[in-house]
Amino acid sequence: MKKSNPSDASTLILISPSNGKPHSQYETLLLKRSSKSSFMPNACVFPGGKVEDTDFSEQWRDLFCQYFDWQEILQSLPKSCLPRCDCYNKLRQSCIPADIGLRICAIRETFEESGVLLLRNFRHNRLPVDGSHGNIGSAHNLPIQQLQYWRRLVNEDSSNFLKLCRHFNSLPDIWSLYEWSNWLTPRTYPKRFDTAFFICCAEGEINASQDQAEITYLHWTTPEEALKSHAIKKIFLAPPQTYELSRLCNEYFLLPYGYSFHTVPEILQFARHRAMNFPTKQYLPIHYQCKDGLLSLLPGDSLYPEDEQQESNRRITSNKSISELRISSERVNRVEYEKRDKSNYVTTYRVEVLPENFSIDGHKVPYLEWQNVQSDSSKL
């Protein structure tokens, strides 16, 4: 199989107050990819996609500078902690920094795929202040005919997103997107992406609709509902979505900061604090062939190599079983694909580490109790 270099991409975890669902204060937007998609067909994913050259067009600087000084724009962005992941450090032939271009990509792709338009109007000529509570995003709900018109134009040519912003005298709401994580597709895949994950907490009514091309279905759901649907094979979630939703299911307080994930403001405060105080860790799954299946190792696991980029170039094998390798590992952060017969694998996410092992990136340990519904799937 020919090895491919990863393409830059952006993904947006969009959080909104729940609409009367019991035991939940918020929901997130998930989209189902078309069966014809070239990458992860039929998977339920967060909105997002590949970075286009137009996301880093210097015309964005011209548009931003119609409202504010460029240095003021740069200083007003949500703060991130060093060192940065490669997707932010990559040299590009553009004056647009990655912190802006990658956010524009996430906002544009979210509009293309779901119709949700995150724009900020500057009638009062004041930049957002990234206070201790963070910046709430606000969706710009267009009349249906305007929505269809602009969505078609942006889908046909991504440069039309710039024209859309000019038309509505607004800017992409890059201030409400907080750096969340970074996932790099394993080298075993023919198509690979280096994806910057952002999180945005929005308020007010948000109208979303599928595009009937790339996306065949979308819905607002709680993380727990999505994961349970995945466990009983009602939907399919790719590993990054499964892992991130499991993090959001962890409602326990994260000491010493005291953040729970019960409400939208709590998630927003956590996202802002984490990005400011902890460097984002790149997650490159390393595949480890075992006697009875496959392990997908993640950072923090005892078997995860020190030089993951080098080790990902070769096939790692072991004559031990999945359970033997689990027992011998002091720290476990992995996905186990245990082979039961020729075509049947049982997938299990395992995270058995102390919370302090995750302090390198400030995230909570994924909460994995949703996997227990698998045993009851025959009753549904």
Protein backbone atom coordinates (compact mmCIF):
# COMPACT_ATOMS: atom_id res chain seq x y z
CA MET A 1 0.00 0.00 0.00
CA LYS A 2 1.31 3.40 -0.97
CA LYS A 3 2.06 5.63 2.00
CA SER A 4 0.42 9.05 1.87
CA ASN A 5 1.36 12.33 3.49
CA PRO A 6 -1.39 13.66 5.74
CA SER A 7 -3.52 16.59 4.61
CA ASP A 8 -4.35 19.37 7.06
CA ALA A 9 -7.93 19.35 8.32
CA SER A 10 -10.10 20.97 10.99
CA THR A 11 -12.98 19.60 13.02
CA LEU A 12 -15.47 21.37 15.27
CA ILE A 13 -17.09 19.92 18.38
CA LEU A 14 -20.19 22.13 18.58
CA ILE A 15 -21.87 22.27 21.99
CA SER A 16 -25.32 23.74 22.62
CA PRO A 17 -27.79 23.73 25.55
CA SER A 18 -30.05 20.68 25.34
CA ASN A 19 -33.64 21.02 24.22
CA GLY A 20 -35.48 19.60 27.20
CA LYS A 21 -33.72 16.23 27.35
CA PRO A 22 -33.76 14.72 30.85
CA HIS A 23 -30.50 14.35 32.77
CA SER A 24 -28.63 16.46 30.22
CA GLN A 25 -27.72 20.11 30.05
CA TYR A 26 -26.15 20.10 26.61
CA GLU A 27 -25.90 18.32 23.27
CA THR A 28 -23.35 18.10 20.48
CA LEU A 29 -23.85 17.97 16.70
CA LEU A 30 -23.06 14.74 14.86
CA LEU A 31 -23.26 14.17 11.10
CA LYS A 32 -23.47 10.88 9.21
CA ARG A 33 -21.18 10.64 6.20
CA SER A 34 -22.45 9.38 2.89
CA SER A 35 -21.78 5.75 1.93
CA LYS A 36 -19.91 7.20 -1.06
CA SER A 37 -17.48 9.22 1.07
CA SER A 38 -13.85 8.47 0.26
CA PHE A 39 -12.91 8.62 3.96
CA MET A 40 -14.83 6.91 6.77
CA PRO A 41 -18.04 6.22 4.78
CA ASN A 42 -21.22 5.90 6.90
CA ALA A 43 -19.38 7.12 10.02
CA CYS A 44 -20.96 9.63 12.40
CA VAL A 45 -18.54 12.51 12.83
CA PHE A 46 -18.25 16.06 14.06
CA PRO A 47 -18.50 18.65 11.28
CA GLY A 48 -15.18 19.38 9.60
CA GLY A 49 -12.99 18.66 6.63
CA LYS A 50 -9.86 19.30 4.65
CA VAL A 51 -8.12 22.68 4.73
CA GLU A 52 -8.38 24.60 1.46
CA ASP A 53 -5.91 27.19 0.19
CA THR A 54 -8.70 29.77 0.46
CA ASP A 55 -8.77 29.29 4.26
CA PHE A 56 -5.31 30.86 4.30
CA SER A 57 -5.98 33.46 1.59
CA GLU A 58 -4.38 36.82 2.32
CA GLN A 59 -7.74 38.37 1.46
CA TRP A 60 -8.86 37.32 4.93
CA ARG A 61 -6.33 39.72 6.39
CA ASP A 62 -7.77 42.50 4.24
CA LEU A 63 -11.26 41.71 5.50
CA PHE A 64 -10.24 41.55 9.17
CA CYS A 65 -8.33 44.82 8.82
CA GLN A 66 -11.46 46.60 7.65
CA TYR A 67 -12.56 46.40 11.26
CA PHE A 68 -9.42 46.21 13.42
CA ASP A 69 -5.65 46.51 13.44
CA TRP A 70 -4.02 43.19 12.47
CA GLN A 71 -1.90 43.00 15.61
CA GLU A 72 -4.98 43.57 17.73
CA ILE A 73 -6.64 40.67 15.93
CA LEU A 74 -3.70 38.37 16.66
CA GLN A 75 -3.57 39.38 20.31
CA SER A 76 -7.31 38.85 20.76
CA LEU A 77 -7.26 35.18 19.74
CA PRO A 78 -7.87 32.48 22.37
CA LYS A 79 -4.58 31.68 24.06
CA SER A 80 -2.77 28.38 23.60
CA CYS A 81 0.09 26.78 25.51
CA LEU A 82 3.50 25.89 24.06
CA PRO A 83 4.74 23.65 22.54
CA ARG A 84 2.26 23.54 19.66
CA CYS A 85 1.39 20.57 17.47
CA ASP A 86 2.86 20.31 13.97
CA CYS A 87 -0.35 21.49 12.29
CA TYR A 88 0.12 24.88 13.97
CA ASN A 89 3.87 25.10 13.31
CA LYS A 90 3.83 24.16 9.63
CA LEU A 91 5.34 26.76 7.31
CA ARG A 92 2.79 28.04 4.81
CA GLN A 93 3.14 30.63 2.08
CA SER A 94 0.61 32.91 3.70
CA CYS A 95 0.45 35.77 6.18
CA ILE A 96 -2.53 34.06 7.80
CA PRO A 97 -1.37 32.17 10.92
CA ALA A 98 -2.58 28.64 11.55
CA ASP A 99 -4.59 29.82 14.57
CA ILE A 100 -6.78 31.78 12.16
CA GLY A 101 -6.68 29.62 9.01
CA LEU A 102 -7.50 26.35 10.80
CA ARG A 103 -10.41 28.01 12.61
CA ILE A 104 -11.74 29.48 9.36
CA CYS A 105 -11.62 25.97 7.87
CA ALA A 106 -13.61 24.52 10.78
CA ILE A 107 -16.25 27.26 10.51
CA ARG A 108 -16.51 26.98 6.71
CA GLU A 109 -16.78 23.19 6.75
CA THR A 110 -19.40 23.35 9.51
CA PHE A 111 -21.46 25.68 7.32
CA GLU A 112 -21.05 23.50 4.23
CA GLU A 113 -21.99 20.27 6.00
CA SER A 114 -24.63 21.42 8.49
CA GLY A 115 -25.75 24.91 7.50
CA VAL A 116 -24.65 26.26 10.90
CA LEU A 117 -23.02 29.64 10.27
CA LEU A 118 -20.77 30.96 13.05
CA LEU A 119 -20.25 34.65 12.30
CA ARG A 120 -19.61 37.69 14.46
CA ASN A 121 -20.90 41.15 13.58
CA PHE A 122 -18.84 44.13 14.72
CA ARG A 123 -21.35 46.96 14.74
CA HIS A 124 -19.80 48.31 17.93
CA ASN A 125 -16.20 47.98 16.67
CA ARG A 126 -15.07 46.09 19.75
CA LEU A 127 -13.04 42.91 19.73
CA PRO A 128 -14.15 40.05 21.97
CA VAL A 129 -12.39 39.92 25.32
CA ASP A 130 -11.30 36.40 26.24
CA GLY A 131 -12.32 36.63 29.88
CA SER A 132 -12.26 33.89 32.47
CA HIS A 133 -15.62 32.51 31.30
CA GLY A 134 -14.60 32.27 27.62
CA ASN A 135 -16.39 33.44 24.48
CA ILE A 136 -19.78 32.00 23.57
CA GLY A 137 -20.41 31.41 19.87
CA SER A 138 -23.54 32.60 18.15
CA ALA A 139 -25.09 31.07 15.04
CA HIS A 140 -26.24 33.36 12.23
CA ASN A 141 -29.54 31.80 11.14
CA LEU A 142 -30.29 32.66 7.51
CA PRO A 143 -33.70 32.51 5.80
CA ILE A 144 -34.01 29.20 3.98
CA GLN A 145 -33.57 30.65 0.47
CA GLN A 146 -30.45 32.61 1.46
CA LEU A 147 -29.09 29.57 3.28
CA GLN A 148 -29.53 27.35 0.23
CA TYR A 149 -28.04 29.99 -2.06
CA TRP A 150 -24.88 30.62 -0.04
CA ARG A 151 -24.41 27.00 0.91
CA ARG A 152 -24.45 25.97 -2.73
CA LEU A 153 -21.93 28.69 -3.62
CA VAL A 154 -19.53 27.75 -0.82
CA ASN A 155 -19.80 24.05 -1.66
CA GLU A 156 -18.96 24.82 -5.28
CA ASP A 157 -16.02 27.10 -4.42
CA SER A 158 -14.61 27.58 -0.92
CA SER A 159 -13.49 31.13 -1.82
CA ASN A 160 -17.17 32.11 -1.77
CA PHE A 161 -17.09 31.85 2.02
CA LEU A 162 -15.04 35.05 2.01
CA LYS A 163 -17.69 36.67 -0.19
CA LEU A 164 -20.39 35.50 2.21
CA CYS A 165 -18.65 37.21 5.14
CA ARG A 166 -18.27 40.42 3.14
CA HIS A 167 -21.93 40.31 2.14
CA PHE A 168 -23.11 40.10 5.75
CA ASN A 169 -20.50 42.60 7.06
CA SER A 170 -19.26 39.95 9.47
CA LEU A 171 -16.19 37.88 10.31
CA PRO A 172 -15.86 34.16 11.02
CA ASP A 173 -16.25 33.78 14.77
CA ILE A 174 -12.72 32.51 15.36
CA TRP A 175 -12.86 33.87 18.93
CA SER A 176 -15.35 31.25 20.13
CA LEU A 177 -13.31 28.25 18.91
CA TYR A 178 -10.96 26.82 21.54
CA GLU A 179 -8.12 24.43 20.76
CA TRP A 180 -9.15 20.98 21.98
CA SER A 181 -7.06 18.14 20.50
CA ASN A 182 -5.09 16.95 17.47
CA TRP A 183 -5.54 13.57 15.76
CA LEU A 184 -3.26 12.17 13.05
CA THR A 185 -4.54 9.27 10.93
CA PRO A 186 -2.38 6.12 11.26
CA ARG A 187 -0.08 5.27 8.36
CA THR A 188 -2.07 2.10 7.66
CA TYR A 189 -4.77 4.24 5.99
CA PRO A 190 -4.39 5.23 2.32
CA LYS A 191 -5.94 8.65 3.01
CA ARG A 192 -4.60 10.51 6.04
CA PHE A 193 -5.40 13.75 7.86
CA ASP A 194 -3.63 15.85 10.48
CA THR A 195 -6.74 17.25 12.13
CA ALA A 196 -7.00 20.16 14.53
CA PHE A 197 -10.02 19.65 16.81
CA PHE A 198 -11.72 22.77 18.17
CA ILE A 199 -14.63 23.10 20.55
CA CYS A 200 -17.26 25.84 20.39
CA CYS A 201 -20.02 26.44 22.92
CA ALA A 202 -22.91 28.22 21.26
CA GLU A 203 -26.15 29.69 22.56
CA GLY A 204 -29.56 30.50 21.16
CA GLU A 205 -31.47 28.69 18.45
CA ILE A 206 -29.22 26.81 16.03
CA ASN A 207 -30.75 25.61 12.78
CA ALA A 208 -28.88 22.69 11.24
CA SER A 209 -29.65 20.67 8.10
CA GLN A 210 -27.75 18.05 6.10
CA ASP A 211 -26.47 18.87 2.62
CA GLN A 212 -27.69 15.57 1.07
CA ALA A 213 -24.29 15.17 -0.61
CA GLU A 214 -21.42 14.55 1.81
CA ILE A 215 -23.85 14.30 4.74
CA THR A 216 -26.98 12.14 4.71
CA TYR A 217 -28.18 12.69 8.27
CA LEU A 218 -27.46 14.94 11.25
CA HIS A 219 -28.75 15.21 14.77
CA TRP A 220 -28.13 16.84 18.12
CA THR A 221 -27.36 14.27 20.77
CA THR A 222 -25.77 13.95 24.17
CA PRO A 223 -22.34 12.30 24.26
CA GLU A 224 -23.75 9.40 26.29
CA GLU A 225 -26.61 8.79 23.83
CA ALA A 226 -24.20 8.76 20.88
CA LEU A 227 -21.82 6.35 22.59
CA LYS A 228 -24.58 3.95 23.61
CA SER A 229 -25.90 3.96 20.03
CA HIS A 230 -22.38 3.15 18.88
CA ALA A 231 -22.10 0.32 21.43
CA ILE A 232 -25.23 -1.43 20.10
CA LYS A 233 -24.13 -0.79 16.48
CA LYS A 234 -26.98 1.59 15.74
CA ILE A 235 -24.39 4.09 14.51
CA PHE A 236 -20.66 3.89 13.83
CA LEU A 237 -18.27 6.34 15.48
CA ALA A 238 -14.66 6.56 14.36
CA PRO A 239 -12.06 6.26 17.16
CA PRO A 240 -11.38 10.04 17.50
CA GLN A 241 -15.09 10.79 17.89
CA THR A 242 -15.53 7.90 20.33
CA TYR A 243 -12.59 9.05 22.43
CA GLU A 244 -13.59 12.74 22.51
CA LEU A 245 -17.22 11.97 23.35
CA SER A 246 -16.00 9.70 26.16
CA ARG A 247 -13.98 12.61 27.55
CA LEU A 248 -17.11 14.75 27.55
CA CYS A 249 -18.96 12.00 29.44
CA ASN A 250 -16.58 12.41 32.37
CA GLU A 251 -18.65 14.72 34.57
CA TYR A 252 -16.48 14.28 37.63
CA PHE A 253 -14.62 17.31 38.92
CA LEU A 254 -11.12 17.67 37.56
CA LEU A 255 -8.97 18.61 40.54
CA PRO A 256 -7.56 21.05 41.42
CA TYR A 257 -9.61 23.21 39.05
CA GLY A 258 -13.08 21.96 39.94
CA TYR A 259 -14.54 21.71 36.43
CA SER A 260 -17.41 19.34 35.79
CA PHE A 261 -19.13 18.85 32.45
CA HIS A 262 -22.75 19.32 33.55
CA THR A 263 -23.44 22.59 31.74
CA VAL A 264 -22.33 24.54 28.68
CA PRO A 265 -20.58 27.28 30.74
CA GLU A 266 -18.56 24.63 32.60
CA ILE A 267 -17.37 23.04 29.36
CA LEU A 268 -16.49 26.48 27.98
CA GLN A 269 -14.47 27.43 31.07
CA PHE A 270 -12.67 24.10 31.01
CA ALA A 271 -11.84 24.41 27.28
CA ARG A 272 -10.42 27.91 27.73
CA HIS A 273 -8.39 26.95 30.82
CA ARG A 274 -7.01 23.75 29.29
CA ALA A 275 -5.87 25.43 26.06
CA MET A 276 -4.17 28.24 27.99
CA ASN A 277 -2.34 26.08 30.51
CA PHE A 278 -1.62 22.74 28.83
CA PRO A 279 0.00 21.97 25.47
CA THR A 280 -2.23 19.97 23.14
CA LYS A 281 -0.90 16.44 22.59
CA GLN A 282 -0.98 14.93 19.11
CA TYR A 283 -2.77 11.58 19.06
CA LEU A 284 -1.23 9.28 16.47
CA PRO A 285 -2.61 5.75 17.01
CA ILE A 286 0.10 3.08 16.70
CA HIS A 287 -1.09 -0.33 15.51
CA TYR A 288 0.31 -3.36 17.33
CA GLN A 289 -0.45 -6.79 15.85
CA CYS A 290 -1.09 -9.44 18.52
CA LYS A 291 -1.66 -13.19 18.51
CA ASP A 292 -5.44 -12.79 18.70
CA GLY A 293 -6.11 -9.36 17.25
CA LEU A 294 -4.89 -5.79 17.04
CA LEU A 295 -4.09 -3.03 19.50
CA SER A 296 -4.38 0.64 18.63
CA LEU A 297 -2.05 2.31 21.12
CA LEU A 298 -2.49 5.93 22.23
CA PRO A 299 -0.14 8.33 24.06
CA GLY A 300 0.29 7.45 27.73
CA ASP A 301 0.10 3.70 27.16
CA SER A 302 3.05 1.66 28.46
CA LEU A 303 3.57 0.16 24.99
CA TYR A 304 3.36 3.48 23.16
CA PRO A 305 6.78 4.18 21.55
CA GLU A 306 8.86 7.19 22.54
CA ASP A 307 9.40 8.07 18.87
CA GLU A 308 5.91 7.49 17.52
CA GLN A 309 6.65 9.03 14.11
CA GLN A 310 9.51 6.59 13.51
CA GLU A 311 7.70 3.55 14.89
CA SER A 312 4.57 4.25 12.84
CA ASN A 313 6.61 3.50 9.69
CA ARG A 314 6.96 -0.17 10.53
CA ARG A 315 4.61 -2.98 11.50
CA ILE A 316 4.86 -3.87 15.20
CA THR A 317 4.01 -7.47 16.08
CA SER A 318 3.90 -9.63 19.19
CA ASN A 319 3.31 -13.33 19.84
CA LYS A 320 1.40 -12.45 23.02
CA SER A 321 -2.37 -12.19 23.31
CA ILE A 322 -4.31 -8.98 23.91
CA SER A 323 -5.06 -9.97 27.52
CA GLU A 324 -1.42 -10.89 28.21
CA LEU A 325 -0.23 -7.51 26.95
CA ARG A 326 -2.89 -5.75 29.01
CA ILE A 327 -1.88 -7.54 32.21
CA SER A 328 1.81 -6.75 31.69
CA SER A 329 1.18 -3.03 31.03
CA GLU A 330 1.37 -0.59 33.91
CA ARG A 331 -0.57 2.08 31.97
CA VAL A 332 -3.27 1.30 29.43
CA ASN A 333 -4.60 3.79 26.86
CA ARG A 334 -5.62 1.71 23.87
CA VAL A 335 -8.32 0.25 21.69
CA GLU A 336 -8.43 -3.56 21.58
CA TYR A 337 -9.72 -5.34 18.47
CA GLU A 338 -10.01 -8.96 19.61
CA LYS A 339 -10.61 -11.50 16.86
CA ARG A 340 -13.40 -13.98 17.61
CA ASP A 341 -13.65 -15.65 14.19
CA LYS A 342 -12.65 -14.97 10.57
CA SER A 343 -14.79 -11.85 10.18
CA ASN A 344 -15.81 -10.86 13.70
CA TYR A 345 -13.85 -8.56 16.01
CA VAL A 346 -14.86 -7.28 19.43
CA THR A 347 -13.78 -3.68 19.97
CA THR A 348 -13.00 -2.46 23.49
CA TYR A 349 -11.67 0.94 24.58
CA ARG A 350 -9.47 0.71 27.66
CA VAL A 351 -8.02 3.54 29.72
CA GLU A 352 -6.42 2.36 32.95
CA VAL A 353 -4.17 5.18 34.08
CA LEU A 354 -4.12 7.62 36.96
CA PRO A 355 -5.58 11.06 36.17
CA GLU A 356 -2.18 12.67 36.69
CA ASN A 357 -0.89 10.73 33.68
CA PHE A 358 -3.17 12.92 31.57
CA SER A 359 -1.89 16.21 33.01
CA ILE A 360 0.45 16.55 30.03
CA ASP A 361 -2.49 17.84 27.98
CA GLY A 362 -4.90 18.77 30.78
CA HIS A 363 -7.76 16.60 29.53
CA LYS A 364 -10.01 14.39 31.60
CA VAL A 365 -9.71 10.62 31.45
CA PRO A 366 -12.35 9.18 29.07
CA TYR A 367 -15.39 7.71 30.82
CA LEU A 368 -16.05 4.29 29.29
CA GLU A 369 -19.05 2.88 31.15
CA TRP A 370 -21.13 3.24 27.96
CA GLN A 371 -19.47 0.05 26.71
CA ASN A 372 -21.46 -1.96 29.26
CA VAL A 373 -24.66 -1.63 27.20
CA GLN A 374 -23.15 -4.07 24.67
CA SER A 375 -24.22 -6.98 26.84
CA ASP A 376 -27.85 -5.82 26.63
CA SER A 377 -27.89 -5.19 22.87
CA SER A 378 -29.83 -8.40 22.17
CA LYS A 379 -32.83 -6.98 24.02
CA LEU A 380 -33.12 -3.93 21.74
